[in-house]
Amino acid sequence: MLRNLFGRKKGGSPASQAGSAPAVPARPQPIDVTDGTFDEAVLASALPAVVDFWAEWCAPCTTMSAYVAFLAGDYAGRLNVAALDVDENPVTAERYGVMGLPTLLFLANGVEVDRIIGLVPYEDLKRQVERLLIASPAQSAASVEVQDASL
């Protein structure tokens, strides 16, 4: 069910907005990546990245995916947040030696700088992301310059 809410299940769709309530702007969500799109969407990103390696059958992945969705919203514009289904995309999972799920990779300048394996509290994820952002000042500065230029 959570996979459908966060738009991560293949073929799933975001929950529809029924009724006459005014539309609320959509909260940023992780981008779904595949073996074919990983390099361009994640490694070539100007922003530091967090990638959630998950599988539909993995119960802890459901909770971690919700946390990752919160990261996407909380760090929009400063962090590239992506998700990769390891059952449908085994090449990238193998390339990074992902052996347990859920696994989160933290990347700066296209290079893995840390990983978390298993379910951890959301506050721990936020601390790890803050360390990643501090360790990637050039990337963070570049994103601020891009934002300033668009003003």
N, C-alpha and C. Protein backbone atom coordinates (compact mmCIF):
# COMPACT_ATOMS: atom_id res chain seq x y z
N MET A 1 0.81 -1.19 0.00
CA MET A 1 0.00 0.00 0.00
C MET A 1 0.86 1.26 0.00
N LEU A 2 1.90 1.28 0.85
CA LEU A 2 2.77 2.46 0.88
C LEU A 2 3.46 2.66 -0.45
N ARG A 3 3.80 1.57 -1.14
CA ARG A 3 4.44 1.70 -2.45
C ARG A 3 3.53 2.49 -3.38
N ASN A 4 2.23 2.21 -3.35
CA ASN A 4 1.30 2.94 -4.21
C ASN A 4 1.21 4.40 -3.80
N LEU A 5 1.20 4.67 -2.51
CA LEU A 5 1.12 6.05 -2.04
C LEU A 5 2.32 6.87 -2.52
N PHE A 6 3.48 6.25 -2.52
CA PHE A 6 4.68 6.97 -2.89
C PHE A 6 5.06 6.77 -4.35
N GLY A 7 4.18 6.11 -5.12
CA GLY A 7 4.39 5.99 -6.55
C GLY A 7 5.58 5.13 -6.93
N ARG A 8 5.95 4.16 -6.09
CA ARG A 8 7.14 3.40 -6.34
C ARG A 8 6.84 2.03 -6.94
N LYS A 9 5.64 1.50 -6.77
CA LYS A 9 5.33 0.19 -7.30
C LYS A 9 5.15 0.28 -8.81
N LYS A 10 5.75 -0.62 -9.53
CA LYS A 10 5.66 -0.59 -10.98
C LYS A 10 4.19 -0.65 -11.40
N GLY A 11 3.81 0.26 -12.25
CA GLY A 11 2.44 0.30 -12.72
C GLY A 11 1.51 1.00 -11.76
N GLY A 12 2.02 1.38 -10.59
CA GLY A 12 1.18 2.07 -9.61
C GLY A 12 1.01 3.52 -10.00
N SER A 13 0.01 4.13 -9.44
CA SER A 13 -0.19 5.55 -9.71
C SER A 13 -0.41 6.27 -8.39
N PRO A 14 -0.05 7.55 -8.33
CA PRO A 14 -0.26 8.30 -7.11
C PRO A 14 -1.74 8.32 -6.76
N ALA A 15 -2.01 8.45 -5.48
CA ALA A 15 -3.40 8.49 -5.03
C ALA A 15 -4.11 9.65 -5.70
N SER A 16 -5.31 9.40 -6.18
CA SER A 16 -6.05 10.46 -6.86
C SER A 16 -6.62 11.43 -5.85
N GLN A 17 -6.79 12.66 -6.29
CA GLN A 17 -7.35 13.69 -5.43
C GLN A 17 -8.82 13.82 -5.77
N ALA A 18 -9.66 13.23 -4.93
CA ALA A 18 -11.09 13.27 -5.17
C ALA A 18 -11.71 14.41 -4.39
N GLY A 19 -12.90 14.80 -4.80
CA GLY A 19 -13.60 15.85 -4.08
C GLY A 19 -13.32 17.21 -4.65
N SER A 20 -13.85 18.21 -3.98
CA SER A 20 -13.73 19.57 -4.49
C SER A 20 -12.68 20.39 -3.74
N ALA A 21 -11.86 19.75 -2.92
CA ALA A 21 -10.82 20.46 -2.20
C ALA A 21 -9.81 21.02 -3.19
N PRO A 22 -9.26 22.21 -2.88
CA PRO A 22 -8.26 22.78 -3.79
C PRO A 22 -7.03 21.87 -3.88
N ALA A 23 -6.43 21.85 -5.05
CA ALA A 23 -5.26 21.01 -5.28
C ALA A 23 -4.08 21.51 -4.45
N VAL A 24 -3.43 20.60 -3.77
CA VAL A 24 -2.25 20.91 -2.98
C VAL A 24 -1.04 20.58 -3.84
N PRO A 25 -0.04 21.47 -3.89
CA PRO A 25 1.14 21.16 -4.70
C PRO A 25 1.75 19.83 -4.26
N ALA A 26 2.14 19.04 -5.24
CA ALA A 26 2.72 17.73 -4.95
C ALA A 26 4.06 17.88 -4.26
N ARG A 27 4.27 17.07 -3.24
CA ARG A 27 5.55 17.05 -2.53
C ARG A 27 6.55 16.29 -3.40
N PRO A 28 7.77 16.78 -3.55
CA PRO A 28 8.75 16.06 -4.36
C PRO A 28 8.91 14.62 -3.89
N GLN A 29 9.06 13.72 -4.84
CA GLN A 29 9.22 12.29 -4.57
C GLN A 29 10.55 11.80 -5.15
N PRO A 30 11.04 10.68 -4.64
CA PRO A 30 12.24 10.10 -5.24
C PRO A 30 11.99 9.78 -6.71
N ILE A 31 13.03 9.89 -7.51
CA ILE A 31 12.90 9.51 -8.91
C ILE A 31 13.20 8.02 -9.04
N ASP A 32 12.39 7.33 -9.79
CA ASP A 32 12.63 5.91 -10.04
C ASP A 32 13.70 5.79 -11.12
N VAL A 33 14.76 5.06 -10.81
CA VAL A 33 15.83 4.86 -11.77
C VAL A 33 15.94 3.38 -12.11
N THR A 34 16.54 3.11 -13.25
CA THR A 34 16.74 1.74 -13.73
C THR A 34 18.22 1.53 -14.03
N ASP A 35 18.56 0.31 -14.40
CA ASP A 35 19.94 0.05 -14.83
C ASP A 35 20.32 0.98 -15.98
N GLY A 36 19.37 1.28 -16.85
CA GLY A 36 19.63 2.11 -18.01
C GLY A 36 19.69 3.60 -17.73
N THR A 37 19.05 4.06 -16.66
CA THR A 37 19.01 5.50 -16.37
C THR A 37 19.85 5.92 -15.18
N PHE A 38 20.42 4.96 -14.46
CA PHE A 38 21.13 5.26 -13.21
C PHE A 38 22.28 6.24 -13.42
N ASP A 39 23.14 5.97 -14.39
CA ASP A 39 24.32 6.83 -14.57
C ASP A 39 23.94 8.28 -14.85
N GLU A 40 22.99 8.48 -15.74
CA GLU A 40 22.59 9.85 -16.09
C GLU A 40 21.82 10.52 -14.94
N ALA A 41 20.90 9.81 -14.33
CA ALA A 41 20.04 10.41 -13.31
C ALA A 41 20.74 10.60 -11.97
N VAL A 42 21.69 9.72 -11.66
CA VAL A 42 22.33 9.78 -10.34
C VAL A 42 23.79 10.22 -10.42
N LEU A 43 24.60 9.48 -11.16
CA LEU A 43 26.03 9.75 -11.18
C LEU A 43 26.37 11.08 -11.83
N ALA A 44 25.61 11.49 -12.83
CA ALA A 44 25.89 12.76 -13.52
C ALA A 44 25.21 13.95 -12.86
N SER A 45 24.48 13.72 -11.78
CA SER A 45 23.76 14.80 -11.11
C SER A 45 24.73 15.82 -10.52
N ALA A 46 24.36 17.07 -10.58
CA ALA A 46 25.16 18.14 -9.96
C ALA A 46 24.98 18.14 -8.45
N LEU A 47 23.98 17.43 -7.96
CA LEU A 47 23.70 17.39 -6.52
C LEU A 47 24.20 16.09 -5.90
N PRO A 48 24.52 16.13 -4.61
CA PRO A 48 24.78 14.86 -3.93
C PRO A 48 23.53 14.00 -4.01
N ALA A 49 23.68 12.68 -3.90
CA ALA A 49 22.55 11.80 -4.12
C ALA A 49 22.41 10.75 -3.02
N VAL A 50 21.15 10.36 -2.81
CA VAL A 50 20.82 9.21 -1.97
C VAL A 50 20.00 8.28 -2.84
N VAL A 51 20.40 7.01 -2.89
CA VAL A 51 19.68 6.03 -3.70
C VAL A 51 19.18 4.91 -2.79
N ASP A 52 17.89 4.67 -2.85
CA ASP A 52 17.23 3.61 -2.09
C ASP A 52 17.15 2.36 -2.96
N PHE A 53 17.89 1.31 -2.58
CA PHE A 53 17.81 0.02 -3.25
C PHE A 53 16.77 -0.80 -2.49
N TRP A 54 15.70 -1.20 -3.19
CA TRP A 54 14.56 -1.84 -2.53
C TRP A 54 14.00 -2.97 -3.39
N ALA A 55 13.10 -3.73 -2.78
CA ALA A 55 12.35 -4.77 -3.50
C ALA A 55 10.94 -4.80 -2.93
N GLU A 56 10.00 -5.15 -3.77
CA GLU A 56 8.60 -5.16 -3.37
C GLU A 56 8.33 -6.16 -2.24
N TRP A 57 9.02 -7.27 -2.22
CA TRP A 57 8.82 -8.31 -1.21
C TRP A 57 9.46 -8.00 0.13
N CYS A 58 10.25 -6.95 0.21
CA CYS A 58 11.03 -6.59 1.40
C CYS A 58 10.20 -5.72 2.34
N ALA A 59 9.76 -6.27 3.46
CA ALA A 59 8.92 -5.51 4.40
C ALA A 59 9.62 -4.27 4.96
N PRO A 60 10.87 -4.34 5.43
CA PRO A 60 11.53 -3.12 5.93
C PRO A 60 11.70 -2.05 4.85
N CYS A 61 11.75 -2.48 3.59
CA CYS A 61 11.88 -1.52 2.48
C CYS A 61 10.68 -0.59 2.42
N THR A 62 9.52 -1.07 2.80
CA THR A 62 8.32 -0.24 2.76
C THR A 62 8.47 0.96 3.69
N THR A 63 8.93 0.73 4.90
CA THR A 63 9.14 1.82 5.84
C THR A 63 10.26 2.73 5.38
N MET A 64 11.37 2.14 4.93
CA MET A 64 12.50 2.96 4.49
C MET A 64 12.13 3.80 3.28
N SER A 65 11.30 3.25 2.39
CA SER A 65 10.87 4.01 1.21
C SER A 65 10.05 5.24 1.62
N ALA A 66 9.26 5.10 2.66
CA ALA A 66 8.51 6.25 3.17
C ALA A 66 9.48 7.31 3.69
N TYR A 67 10.50 6.88 4.42
CA TYR A 67 11.51 7.82 4.92
C TYR A 67 12.24 8.51 3.77
N VAL A 68 12.57 7.74 2.75
CA VAL A 68 13.27 8.29 1.60
C VAL A 68 12.38 9.33 0.89
N ALA A 69 11.09 9.07 0.83
CA ALA A 69 10.17 10.04 0.24
C ALA A 69 10.16 11.34 1.05
N PHE A 70 10.23 11.22 2.38
CA PHE A 70 10.31 12.42 3.21
C PHE A 70 11.61 13.18 2.94
N LEU A 71 12.72 12.45 2.75
CA LEU A 71 13.99 13.11 2.42
C LEU A 71 13.86 13.90 1.13
N ALA A 72 13.20 13.31 0.14
CA ALA A 72 13.03 13.99 -1.15
C ALA A 72 12.33 15.33 -0.96
N GLY A 73 11.33 15.36 -0.11
CA GLY A 73 10.62 16.61 0.14
C GLY A 73 11.41 17.57 1.00
N ASP A 74 12.03 17.06 2.05
CA ASP A 74 12.76 17.90 2.99
C ASP A 74 14.02 18.52 2.39
N TYR A 75 14.63 17.85 1.41
CA TYR A 75 15.89 18.33 0.84
C TYR A 75 15.77 18.65 -0.66
N ALA A 76 14.58 18.94 -1.10
CA ALA A 76 14.35 19.27 -2.52
C ALA A 76 15.26 20.42 -2.94
N GLY A 77 15.91 20.26 -4.08
CA GLY A 77 16.79 21.29 -4.60
C GLY A 77 18.21 21.23 -4.06
N ARG A 78 18.43 20.43 -3.01
CA ARG A 78 19.76 20.30 -2.43
C ARG A 78 20.29 18.88 -2.51
N LEU A 79 19.38 17.92 -2.77
CA LEU A 79 19.74 16.51 -2.75
C LEU A 79 18.97 15.78 -3.84
N ASN A 80 19.66 14.94 -4.59
CA ASN A 80 19.03 14.08 -5.60
C ASN A 80 18.64 12.79 -4.90
N VAL A 81 17.36 12.50 -4.84
CA VAL A 81 16.88 11.30 -4.16
C VAL A 81 16.27 10.36 -5.20
N ALA A 82 16.78 9.13 -5.24
CA ALA A 82 16.36 8.17 -6.25
C ALA A 82 16.06 6.82 -5.59
N ALA A 83 15.35 5.98 -6.34
CA ALA A 83 15.01 4.64 -5.87
C ALA A 83 15.20 3.65 -7.01
N LEU A 84 15.72 2.47 -6.67
CA LEU A 84 15.97 1.45 -7.67
C LEU A 84 15.45 0.11 -7.16
N ASP A 85 14.55 -0.50 -7.91
CA ASP A 85 14.00 -1.83 -7.60
C ASP A 85 15.04 -2.86 -8.03
N VAL A 86 15.62 -3.56 -7.05
CA VAL A 86 16.72 -4.48 -7.35
C VAL A 86 16.27 -5.72 -8.13
N ASP A 87 15.01 -6.11 -7.99
CA ASP A 87 14.53 -7.28 -8.74
C ASP A 87 14.45 -6.98 -10.23
N GLU A 88 14.09 -5.76 -10.58
CA GLU A 88 13.97 -5.38 -11.98
C GLU A 88 15.26 -4.79 -12.55
N ASN A 89 16.20 -4.46 -11.67
CA ASN A 89 17.44 -3.80 -12.09
C ASN A 89 18.64 -4.40 -11.34
N PRO A 90 18.94 -5.66 -11.59
CA PRO A 90 20.01 -6.33 -10.83
C PRO A 90 21.42 -5.88 -11.18
N VAL A 91 21.61 -5.30 -12.35
CA VAL A 91 22.97 -4.93 -12.78
C VAL A 91 23.54 -3.84 -11.88
N THR A 92 22.77 -2.80 -11.60
CA THR A 92 23.25 -1.71 -10.76
C THR A 92 23.43 -2.18 -9.33
N ALA A 93 22.51 -3.00 -8.84
CA ALA A 93 22.64 -3.53 -7.48
C ALA A 93 23.93 -4.36 -7.35
N GLU A 94 24.21 -5.16 -8.36
CA GLU A 94 25.44 -5.96 -8.35
C GLU A 94 26.67 -5.08 -8.45
N ARG A 95 26.61 -4.07 -9.29
CA ARG A 95 27.74 -3.15 -9.47
C ARG A 95 28.16 -2.50 -8.15
N TYR A 96 27.18 -2.21 -7.29
CA TYR A 96 27.45 -1.58 -6.00
C TYR A 96 27.52 -2.59 -4.85
N GLY A 97 27.46 -3.86 -5.16
CA GLY A 97 27.60 -4.89 -4.13
C GLY A 97 26.47 -4.87 -3.11
N VAL A 98 25.27 -4.56 -3.55
CA VAL A 98 24.13 -4.53 -2.64
C VAL A 98 23.74 -5.98 -2.33
N MET A 99 23.87 -6.35 -1.06
CA MET A 99 23.60 -7.73 -0.65
C MET A 99 22.41 -7.83 0.31
N GLY A 100 22.06 -6.75 0.97
CA GLY A 100 20.95 -6.74 1.91
C GLY A 100 20.03 -5.58 1.61
N LEU A 101 18.77 -5.74 1.98
CA LEU A 101 17.78 -4.69 1.72
C LEU A 101 17.08 -4.29 3.01
N PRO A 102 16.67 -3.05 3.09
CA PRO A 102 16.97 -1.97 2.17
C PRO A 102 18.42 -1.50 2.32
N THR A 103 18.97 -0.97 1.25
CA THR A 103 20.29 -0.35 1.26
C THR A 103 20.16 1.05 0.69
N LEU A 104 20.72 2.01 1.40
CA LEU A 104 20.79 3.39 0.90
C LEU A 104 22.24 3.72 0.61
N LEU A 105 22.50 4.19 -0.62
CA LEU A 105 23.83 4.68 -0.97
C LEU A 105 23.83 6.19 -0.92
N PHE A 106 24.90 6.75 -0.39
CA PHE A 106 25.10 8.19 -0.35
C PHE A 106 26.25 8.49 -1.28
N LEU A 107 26.00 9.33 -2.30
CA LEU A 107 27.01 9.62 -3.32
C LEU A 107 27.28 11.11 -3.42
N ALA A 108 28.54 11.44 -3.62
CA ALA A 108 28.96 12.82 -3.86
C ALA A 108 29.86 12.80 -5.09
N ASN A 109 29.59 13.68 -6.03
CA ASN A 109 30.36 13.73 -7.27
C ASN A 109 30.38 12.37 -7.97
N GLY A 110 29.29 11.62 -7.88
CA GLY A 110 29.18 10.33 -8.54
C GLY A 110 29.92 9.18 -7.86
N VAL A 111 30.46 9.43 -6.66
CA VAL A 111 31.22 8.42 -5.95
C VAL A 111 30.52 8.10 -4.63
N GLU A 112 30.41 6.80 -4.34
CA GLU A 112 29.80 6.40 -3.07
C GLU A 112 30.68 6.85 -1.91
N VAL A 113 30.07 7.54 -0.95
CA VAL A 113 30.80 7.99 0.23
C VAL A 113 30.32 7.29 1.50
N ASP A 114 29.15 6.69 1.45
CA ASP A 114 28.65 5.96 2.61
C ASP A 114 27.45 5.13 2.19
N ARG A 115 27.03 4.22 3.08
CA ARG A 115 25.82 3.43 2.85
C ARG A 115 25.22 3.05 4.18
N ILE A 116 23.92 2.82 4.14
CA ILE A 116 23.18 2.30 5.29
C ILE A 116 22.47 1.05 4.81
N ILE A 117 22.61 -0.03 5.59
CA ILE A 117 21.93 -1.28 5.27
C ILE A 117 20.94 -1.57 6.39
N GLY A 118 19.71 -1.83 6.01
CA GLY A 118 18.68 -2.12 7.00
C GLY A 118 17.86 -0.89 7.35
N LEU A 119 16.90 -1.10 8.21
CA LEU A 119 15.98 -0.05 8.62
C LEU A 119 16.59 0.75 9.76
N VAL A 120 16.63 2.06 9.62
CA VAL A 120 17.13 2.95 10.66
C VAL A 120 16.11 4.07 10.87
N PRO A 121 16.14 4.73 12.02
CA PRO A 121 15.20 5.83 12.27
C PRO A 121 15.43 6.99 11.29
N TYR A 122 14.35 7.72 11.01
CA TYR A 122 14.41 8.84 10.08
C TYR A 122 15.43 9.88 10.53
N GLU A 123 15.51 10.14 11.81
CA GLU A 123 16.48 11.13 12.31
C GLU A 123 17.91 10.73 11.97
N ASP A 124 18.22 9.44 11.99
CA ASP A 124 19.55 8.97 11.60
C ASP A 124 19.81 9.27 10.12
N LEU A 125 18.80 9.08 9.29
CA LEU A 125 18.94 9.38 7.85
C LEU A 125 19.21 10.87 7.65
N LYS A 126 18.46 11.71 8.36
CA LYS A 126 18.66 13.15 8.23
C LYS A 126 20.07 13.56 8.64
N ARG A 127 20.57 12.97 9.71
CA ARG A 127 21.95 13.29 10.13
C ARG A 127 22.95 12.88 9.05
N GLN A 128 22.73 11.73 8.46
CA GLN A 128 23.63 11.25 7.41
C GLN A 128 23.57 12.19 6.19
N VAL A 129 22.37 12.63 5.83
CA VAL A 129 22.22 13.55 4.70
C VAL A 129 22.91 14.88 5.01
N GLU A 130 22.76 15.37 6.22
CA GLU A 130 23.43 16.63 6.59
C GLU A 130 24.95 16.49 6.47
N ARG A 131 25.50 15.35 6.88
CA ARG A 131 26.94 15.11 6.73
C ARG A 131 27.32 15.10 5.25
N LEU A 132 26.48 14.47 4.43
CA LEU A 132 26.74 14.41 2.99
C LEU A 132 26.74 15.82 2.39
N LEU A 133 25.79 16.64 2.77
CA LEU A 133 25.70 18.00 2.23
C LEU A 133 26.89 18.85 2.68
N ILE A 134 27.33 18.67 3.91
CA ILE A 134 28.50 19.41 4.41
C ILE A 134 29.76 18.96 3.67
N ALA A 135 29.87 17.66 3.40
CA ALA A 135 31.05 17.11 2.72
C ALA A 135 31.07 17.42 1.23
N SER A 136 29.96 17.92 0.69
CA SER A 136 29.85 18.22 -0.74
C SER A 136 29.60 19.70 -0.97
N PRO A 137 30.46 20.58 -0.44
CA PRO A 137 30.17 22.01 -0.55
C PRO A 137 30.17 22.52 -1.98
N ALA A 138 31.01 21.97 -2.84
CA ALA A 138 31.04 22.44 -4.23
C ALA A 138 29.71 22.15 -4.91
N GLN A 139 29.17 20.98 -4.67
CA GLN A 139 27.88 20.64 -5.27
C GLN A 139 26.78 21.51 -4.69
N SER A 140 26.80 21.72 -3.37
CA SER A 140 25.77 22.53 -2.74
C SER A 140 25.85 23.98 -3.24
N ALA A 141 27.08 24.50 -3.39
CA ALA A 141 27.25 25.86 -3.89
C ALA A 141 26.75 25.97 -5.32
N ALA A 142 27.01 24.96 -6.13
CA ALA A 142 26.55 24.98 -7.52
C ALA A 142 25.03 25.03 -7.58
N SER A 143 24.36 24.30 -6.71
CA SER A 143 22.90 24.31 -6.74
C SER A 143 22.36 25.67 -6.29
N VAL A 144 23.05 26.33 -5.35
CA VAL A 144 22.61 27.66 -4.92
C VAL A 144 22.80 28.65 -6.05
N GLU A 145 23.92 28.56 -6.79
CA GLU A 145 24.17 29.45 -7.91
C GLU A 145 23.10 29.27 -8.98
N VAL A 146 22.71 28.06 -9.26
CA VAL A 146 21.67 27.80 -10.24
C VAL A 146 20.35 28.40 -9.78
N GLN A 147 20.04 28.24 -8.49
CA GLN A 147 18.80 28.82 -7.96
C GLN A 147 18.85 30.33 -8.03
N ASP A 148 20.00 30.94 -7.69
CA ASP A 148 20.13 32.39 -7.74
C ASP A 148 19.99 32.91 -9.16
N ALA A 149 20.54 32.19 -10.12
CA ALA A 149 20.50 32.62 -11.51
C ALA A 149 19.07 32.60 -12.06
N SER A 150 18.24 31.73 -11.49
CA SER A 150 16.86 31.63 -12.00
C SER A 150 15.95 32.68 -11.39
N LEU A 151 16.44 33.42 -10.39
CA LEU A 151 15.60 34.44 -9.76
C LEU A 151 15.45 35.68 -10.58
